[in-house]
């Protein structure tokens, strides 16, 4: 069954060194937004490691950008991609100031999930979110992720082990939502 994709206000771009200066400026401007949820790469060395990691077969990384201005809005990563019988990945994402709360990441994540459950052939995408990060929980809930559990002291962020909620969405769930969205369009 063919269906048309809803118009979006963003596009995805593979990470590259051409964005280094803009990326580091956005990370600096977004420090208050990101703390304590994540430590985005904030040096040239860490940025270049992100670009290098994006080329590995176990990772897919995307810059979310605005078509009108070519500005960098955020970053989305599918990491630890496992093939074979599992066909799964972890989802990570962050938005930059001044774009938080504008819906750009909802659209960018939708495009990435279309890739994950389409050309990449994944069956499951899991996102781990700190319980107090309500904006992030609402975002992935809106996208059809369901809460599966709680993982105490799951990730070390900012020098501290942090609890996380485990959220996931499966390919058949995402594809059913996509068909419903297209039918409403």
Foldseek 3Di string as FASTA:
>chain_A
DDFDDDDAQKDKDQDDPVCVVLVLVQLVQCVVVCPPWADQDNDSVSSVVVNVQCPDPQKPKIFIAGPVPRHTFKIKMFGRQDDDPQQETEIDMDTTPPCPPVCSVLVVVLVVVCCSVPVSVGFKYKYWGFPVPVSVVVSVVVQPWDFDAKDFLPDQTPNGRTITTITMDGSVRNVVVRVVVRVVD
